[in-house]
């Protein structure tokens, strides 16, 4: 299996499919790459998909030393950047989900030559500028560290999915994750890396790449107001809201999310020829973010 050695960690990755520009998916806190299973069928119709396990999850190792988000992203010698280089397919469209969105932002800021575009899902700028989850939800996530993996997954499902998510869909997701459960140590170290991340907001204005921000309006983990923060900070961003979807919008609104991602990558490639510098010749779309959030949130109620 493909592995890279990176800063005391062994990072697992592989490619799926054989056509189109590459898309890298970076998963969230405690999630192995297998959790991307609902996105793959749609993305593979147009792209080669690179999946990776973050350090501390899946088939990647749990280093003895604590690490930060920066180490998971930073440059071509760090985890996500090294995976893109190892794949040898050129700059990638990068999907970052939740904690993976923090990693994706850091990667794009430090190594924009490796990133064709960003798709930031259910995430925030991190650090002091992130709009936090409710205190009771935060406390629950701190308690998950002490629970067995499957028990923790079911307990967190109360807030990671919307109230309307079918139980069968939740079970299918958890079954996939439990095939390669994250250890308590791995989860705890990822949680610490996220909690101590200093954030990206002050630097986002310098990011000259096209960005798609995706968010469920019923997200209890990363409130939808974080999408507003991101969209106003990024010079070249679009917003896709999913009414009523929770934090795991990849389950709650799979078709909507994948459709938006494919439309976005097609638009990027129609404006920027393959082989051109990432982010070149991209015009800023008109945005009315506050109105959009209010309108979609209203439809969901």
Protein backbone atom coordinates (compact mmCIF):
# COMPACT_ATOMS: atom_id res chain seq x y z
CA UNK A 1 0.00 0.00 0.00
CA UNK A 2 1.27 3.55 -0.73
CA UNK A 3 2.92 5.17 2.29
CA UNK A 4 5.02 8.27 2.77
CA UNK A 5 7.28 8.90 5.75
CA UNK A 6 6.70 12.39 7.07
CA UNK A 7 7.92 14.04 10.32
CA UNK A 8 7.73 10.93 12.44
CA UNK A 9 4.54 9.61 10.82
CA UNK A 10 3.66 7.08 8.15
CA UNK A 11 0.92 8.58 5.96
CA UNK A 12 -1.28 6.26 3.89
CA UNK A 13 -2.74 7.41 0.58
CA UNK A 14 -3.94 6.04 -2.74
CA UNK A 15 -5.54 7.14 -5.99
CA UNK A 16 -8.94 6.04 -7.29
CA UNK A 17 -9.93 6.22 -10.95
CA UNK A 18 -7.82 7.04 -13.97
CA UNK A 19 -9.23 10.11 -15.68
CA UNK A 20 -9.51 13.85 -15.26
CA UNK A 21 -7.68 16.29 -13.05
CA UNK A 22 -6.86 15.12 -9.52
CA UNK A 23 -9.03 15.82 -6.48
CA UNK A 24 -7.59 15.29 -2.98
CA UNK A 25 -10.05 14.67 -0.12
CA UNK A 26 -8.88 15.52 3.42
CA UNK A 27 -11.19 14.17 6.10
CA UNK A 28 -12.14 15.59 9.50
CA UNK A 29 -11.44 14.87 13.16
CA UNK A 30 -11.13 11.16 13.84
CA UNK A 31 -12.37 10.14 10.39
CA UNK A 32 -10.46 7.74 8.12
CA UNK A 33 -10.40 8.30 4.38
CA UNK A 34 -13.03 5.55 4.04
CA UNK A 35 -15.57 8.12 5.29
CA UNK A 36 -15.39 9.74 1.84
CA UNK A 37 -17.30 6.81 0.33
CA UNK A 38 -20.44 8.77 -0.51
CA UNK A 39 -18.49 11.38 -2.50
CA UNK A 40 -16.44 8.98 -4.61
CA UNK A 41 -18.98 7.71 -7.19
CA UNK A 42 -19.86 11.22 -8.36
CA UNK A 43 -16.35 12.66 -8.26
CA UNK A 44 -14.92 9.70 -10.15
CA UNK A 45 -17.12 10.47 -13.15
CA UNK A 46 -14.81 13.40 -13.95
CA UNK A 47 -11.73 13.19 -11.76
CA UNK A 48 -8.98 10.99 -10.43
CA UNK A 49 -9.48 11.06 -6.66
CA UNK A 50 -6.64 10.96 -4.14
CA UNK A 51 -7.61 9.79 -0.66
CA UNK A 52 -5.39 9.93 2.41
CA UNK A 53 -5.56 9.10 6.09
CA UNK A 54 -4.52 11.99 8.30
CA UNK A 55 -1.87 11.18 10.87
CA UNK A 56 -3.63 9.56 13.81
CA UNK A 57 -6.43 7.98 11.75
CA UNK A 58 -7.08 5.04 9.45
CA UNK A 59 -3.99 3.31 8.07
CA UNK A 60 -1.66 6.19 8.99
CA UNK A 61 0.37 5.99 12.17
CA UNK A 62 -0.03 7.87 15.44
CA UNK A 63 3.28 9.66 16.12
CA UNK A 64 4.51 9.66 19.70
CA UNK A 65 4.91 13.43 19.74
CA UNK A 66 1.96 15.82 19.63
CA UNK A 67 1.60 17.60 16.29
CA UNK A 68 -0.22 20.67 14.99
CA UNK A 69 -2.48 21.33 12.03
CA UNK A 70 0.45 23.02 10.32
CA UNK A 71 2.40 19.74 10.28
CA UNK A 72 -0.55 18.03 8.59
CA UNK A 73 -0.55 20.55 5.75
CA UNK A 74 2.33 22.98 5.59
CA UNK A 75 4.41 22.51 2.46
CA UNK A 76 5.52 19.91 -0.06
CA UNK A 77 7.38 18.12 2.73
CA UNK A 78 4.34 17.88 4.98
CA UNK A 79 1.47 15.43 4.95
CA UNK A 80 -1.10 16.70 2.46
CA UNK A 81 1.44 18.41 0.23
CA UNK A 82 3.65 15.33 0.21
CA UNK A 83 0.69 13.19 -0.82
CA UNK A 84 -0.06 15.48 -3.80
CA UNK A 85 3.57 15.29 -4.85
CA UNK A 86 3.76 11.53 -4.37
CA UNK A 87 0.68 11.05 -6.55
CA UNK A 88 2.56 12.75 -9.38
CA UNK A 89 -0.58 14.10 -11.05
CA UNK A 90 0.15 17.80 -10.70
CA UNK A 91 -1.81 20.41 -8.70
CA UNK A 92 -5.05 19.08 -7.21
CA UNK A 93 -8.47 20.40 -6.44
CA UNK A 94 -8.50 19.98 -2.64
CA UNK A 95 -11.62 19.12 -0.64
CA UNK A 96 -11.19 19.76 3.09
CA UNK A 97 -13.98 18.68 5.43
CA UNK A 98 -14.24 20.06 8.99
CA UNK A 99 -10.72 19.66 10.47
CA UNK A 100 -9.66 18.78 6.93
CA UNK A 101 -10.76 22.27 5.92
CA UNK A 102 -8.21 23.76 8.30
CA UNK A 103 -5.52 21.54 6.82
CA UNK A 104 -6.59 22.47 3.28
CA UNK A 105 -6.43 26.20 4.05
CA UNK A 106 -2.97 25.86 5.55
CA UNK A 107 -1.79 23.80 2.59
CA UNK A 108 -3.07 26.34 0.05
CA UNK A 109 -1.56 29.27 1.93
CA UNK A 110 1.86 27.65 2.24
CA UNK A 111 2.03 25.76 -1.07
CA UNK A 112 -0.41 27.31 -3.56
CA UNK A 113 1.50 25.73 -6.44
CA UNK A 114 0.17 22.33 -5.33
CA UNK A 115 -3.48 23.44 -5.22
CA UNK A 116 -5.71 24.02 -8.24
CA UNK A 117 -8.73 25.06 -6.16
CA UNK A 118 -10.17 24.65 -2.66
CA UNK A 119 -13.51 23.22 -1.57
CA UNK A 120 -14.00 23.96 2.12
CA UNK A 121 -16.81 21.98 3.72
CA UNK A 122 -18.36 22.38 7.19
CA UNK A 123 -15.29 24.24 8.40
CA UNK A 124 -14.04 27.58 9.75
CA UNK A 125 -10.87 29.69 9.71
CA UNK A 126 -9.97 28.11 13.05
CA UNK A 127 -8.31 29.85 15.97
CA UNK A 128 -9.92 32.79 17.78
CA UNK A 129 -11.94 33.81 14.70
CA UNK A 130 -13.89 30.56 14.53
CA UNK A 131 -17.51 30.74 15.66
CA UNK A 132 -17.68 28.01 18.26
CA UNK A 133 -20.12 25.21 18.87
CA UNK A 134 -22.40 25.28 21.90
CA UNK A 135 -20.65 24.56 25.23
CA UNK A 136 -22.63 21.35 25.78
CA UNK A 137 -21.61 20.04 22.36
CA UNK A 138 -17.97 20.99 23.00
CA UNK A 139 -18.02 19.13 26.31
CA UNK A 140 -19.46 16.06 24.62
CA UNK A 141 -16.58 15.97 22.14
CA UNK A 142 -14.05 16.21 24.96
CA UNK A 143 -15.74 13.21 26.61
CA UNK A 144 -15.53 11.11 23.43
CA UNK A 145 -11.79 10.61 23.96
CA UNK A 146 -12.52 8.22 26.84
CA UNK A 147 -15.13 6.14 24.97
CA UNK A 148 -14.67 3.09 22.72
CA UNK A 149 -14.72 4.13 19.06
CA UNK A 150 -18.15 2.75 18.13
CA UNK A 151 -19.82 4.11 21.26
CA UNK A 152 -18.25 7.51 20.58
CA UNK A 153 -19.49 7.43 16.98
CA UNK A 154 -23.09 6.76 17.98
CA UNK A 155 -23.03 9.36 20.74
CA UNK A 156 -21.65 12.07 18.45
CA UNK A 157 -24.20 11.19 15.75
CA UNK A 158 -26.84 13.08 17.74
CA UNK A 159 -25.20 16.34 16.73
CA UNK A 160 -23.15 15.52 13.64
CA UNK A 161 -26.22 14.65 11.54
CA UNK A 162 -29.48 16.53 11.15
CA UNK A 163 -32.60 15.43 13.01
CA UNK A 164 -34.01 14.17 9.70
CA UNK A 165 -31.09 11.87 8.80
CA UNK A 166 -32.38 8.28 8.43
CA UNK A 167 -30.96 5.92 11.05
CA UNK A 168 -29.97 3.53 8.26
CA UNK A 169 -27.76 6.20 6.70
CA UNK A 170 -26.05 6.89 10.03
CA UNK A 171 -25.48 3.17 10.59
CA UNK A 172 -24.00 2.77 7.11
CA UNK A 173 -21.53 5.59 7.79
CA UNK A 174 -20.55 4.23 11.20
CA UNK A 175 -20.09 0.71 9.82
CA UNK A 176 -17.64 2.10 7.24
CA UNK A 177 -15.70 4.04 9.88
CA UNK A 178 -15.59 1.14 12.34
CA UNK A 179 -13.88 -1.07 9.76
CA UNK A 180 -10.83 1.10 10.59
CA UNK A 181 -11.62 2.80 13.91
CA UNK A 182 -9.50 5.69 15.16
CA UNK A 183 -7.67 4.98 18.40
CA UNK A 184 -8.24 7.08 21.50
CA UNK A 185 -4.68 8.36 21.24
CA UNK A 186 -5.07 9.30 17.59
CA UNK A 187 -8.38 11.06 18.21
CA UNK A 188 -7.01 12.90 21.22
CA UNK A 189 -3.95 14.16 19.36
CA UNK A 190 -6.02 15.30 16.38
CA UNK A 191 -8.37 17.09 18.79
CA UNK A 192 -5.43 18.83 20.46
CA UNK A 193 -3.99 19.85 17.07
CA UNK A 194 -7.32 21.43 16.13
CA UNK A 195 -7.78 23.14 19.49
CA UNK A 196 -4.33 24.75 19.40
CA UNK A 197 -4.46 25.84 15.73
CA UNK A 198 -3.88 29.60 15.49
CA UNK A 199 -6.19 30.08 12.52
CA UNK A 200 -5.99 31.45 9.00
CA UNK A 201 -8.33 34.46 8.85
CA UNK A 202 -5.69 37.20 8.73
CA UNK A 203 -3.95 35.41 5.84
CA UNK A 204 -6.94 34.41 3.70
CA UNK A 205 -7.01 37.71 1.82
CA UNK A 206 -3.69 36.67 0.27
CA UNK A 207 -5.07 33.40 -1.10
CA UNK A 208 -5.33 33.79 -4.89
CA UNK A 209 -7.14 30.55 -5.62
CA UNK A 210 -10.79 29.83 -6.46
CA UNK A 211 -12.64 28.55 -3.40
CA UNK A 212 -16.02 26.89 -2.92
CA UNK A 213 -17.41 27.07 0.62
CA UNK A 214 -20.01 24.37 1.38
CA UNK A 215 -22.10 24.25 4.55
CA UNK A 216 -25.25 22.69 5.96
CA UNK A 217 -27.57 25.25 7.53
CA UNK A 218 -28.29 22.94 10.50
CA UNK A 219 -24.65 22.26 11.39
CA UNK A 220 -24.33 22.09 15.19
CA UNK A 221 -20.59 21.35 15.20
CA UNK A 222 -19.32 24.20 13.03
CA UNK A 223 -22.14 26.78 12.92
CA UNK A 224 -23.08 28.03 9.46
CA UNK A 225 -22.01 31.57 10.40
CA UNK A 226 -18.44 30.32 9.86
CA UNK A 227 -19.24 30.09 6.15
CA UNK A 228 -20.05 33.80 6.23
CA UNK A 229 -16.68 34.51 7.86
CA UNK A 230 -14.82 32.52 5.22
CA UNK A 231 -16.67 33.87 2.22
CA UNK A 232 -16.03 37.47 3.21
CA UNK A 233 -12.34 36.85 3.91
CA UNK A 234 -11.55 35.00 0.68
CA UNK A 235 -10.93 37.09 -2.46
CA UNK A 236 -12.18 34.43 -4.90
CA UNK A 237 -14.97 32.48 -3.25
CA UNK A 238 -18.39 31.03 -3.93
CA UNK A 239 -20.94 29.75 -1.41
CA UNK A 240 -23.10 26.62 -1.54
CA UNK A 241 -25.53 26.18 1.35
CA UNK A 242 -27.55 23.00 1.91
CA UNK A 243 -30.86 23.69 3.70
CA UNK A 244 -31.43 21.49 6.73
CA UNK A 245 -28.19 19.54 6.36
CA UNK A 246 -26.10 18.89 9.44
CA UNK A 247 -22.34 18.75 9.89
CA UNK A 248 -22.07 15.56 7.83
CA UNK A 249 -23.64 17.13 4.75
CA UNK A 250 -21.92 14.50 2.63
CA UNK A 251 -24.63 12.16 3.95
CA UNK A 252 -27.49 14.60 4.52
CA UNK A 253 -27.16 16.24 1.08
CA UNK A 254 -24.87 14.02 -1.00
CA UNK A 255 -26.30 14.87 -4.42
CA UNK A 256 -26.34 18.61 -3.72
CA UNK A 257 -22.76 18.59 -2.43
CA UNK A 258 -21.29 16.48 -5.23
CA UNK A 259 -23.18 18.44 -7.88
CA UNK A 260 -21.82 21.72 -6.52
CA UNK A 261 -18.28 20.30 -6.40
CA UNK A 262 -18.41 19.07 -10.00
CA UNK A 263 -19.90 22.34 -11.25
CA UNK A 264 -17.16 24.23 -9.42
CA UNK A 265 -14.25 22.18 -10.74
CA UNK A 266 -15.67 22.39 -14.27
CA UNK A 267 -15.92 26.18 -13.94
CA UNK A 268 -12.35 26.37 -12.63
CA UNK A 269 -11.05 24.36 -15.55
CA UNK A 270 -13.05 26.27 -18.15
CA UNK A 271 -11.59 29.56 -16.91
CA UNK A 272 -8.10 28.27 -16.16
CA UNK A 273 -6.67 25.85 -18.73
CA UNK A 274 -5.10 22.69 -17.35
CA UNK A 275 -1.37 23.39 -17.00
CA UNK A 276 -1.81 27.09 -16.19
CA UNK A 277 -0.73 28.46 -12.84
CA UNK A 278 -3.32 27.56 -10.18
CA UNK A 279 -5.67 30.45 -9.48
CA UNK A 280 -4.85 32.35 -12.68
CA UNK A 281 -7.52 34.32 -14.59
CA UNK A 282 -10.28 33.82 -12.02
CA UNK A 283 -12.80 36.62 -11.63
CA UNK A 284 -14.51 37.29 -8.32
CA UNK A 285 -18.23 36.34 -8.41
CA UNK A 286 -20.89 38.67 -7.04
CA UNK A 287 -21.76 37.73 -3.46
CA UNK A 288 -24.60 38.56 -1.10
CA UNK A 289 -23.70 36.15 1.65
CA UNK A 290 -25.77 37.41 4.54
CA UNK A 291 -28.91 37.46 2.41
CA UNK A 292 -28.14 33.98 1.07
CA UNK A 293 -27.66 32.50 4.54
CA UNK A 294 -30.82 34.16 5.84
CA UNK A 295 -32.87 33.02 2.85
CA UNK A 296 -31.72 29.41 2.93
CA UNK A 297 -31.99 29.16 6.70
CA UNK A 298 -35.54 30.48 6.42
CA UNK A 299 -36.43 27.81 3.86
CA UNK A 300 -35.15 25.13 6.22
CA UNK A 301 -37.56 26.11 9.01
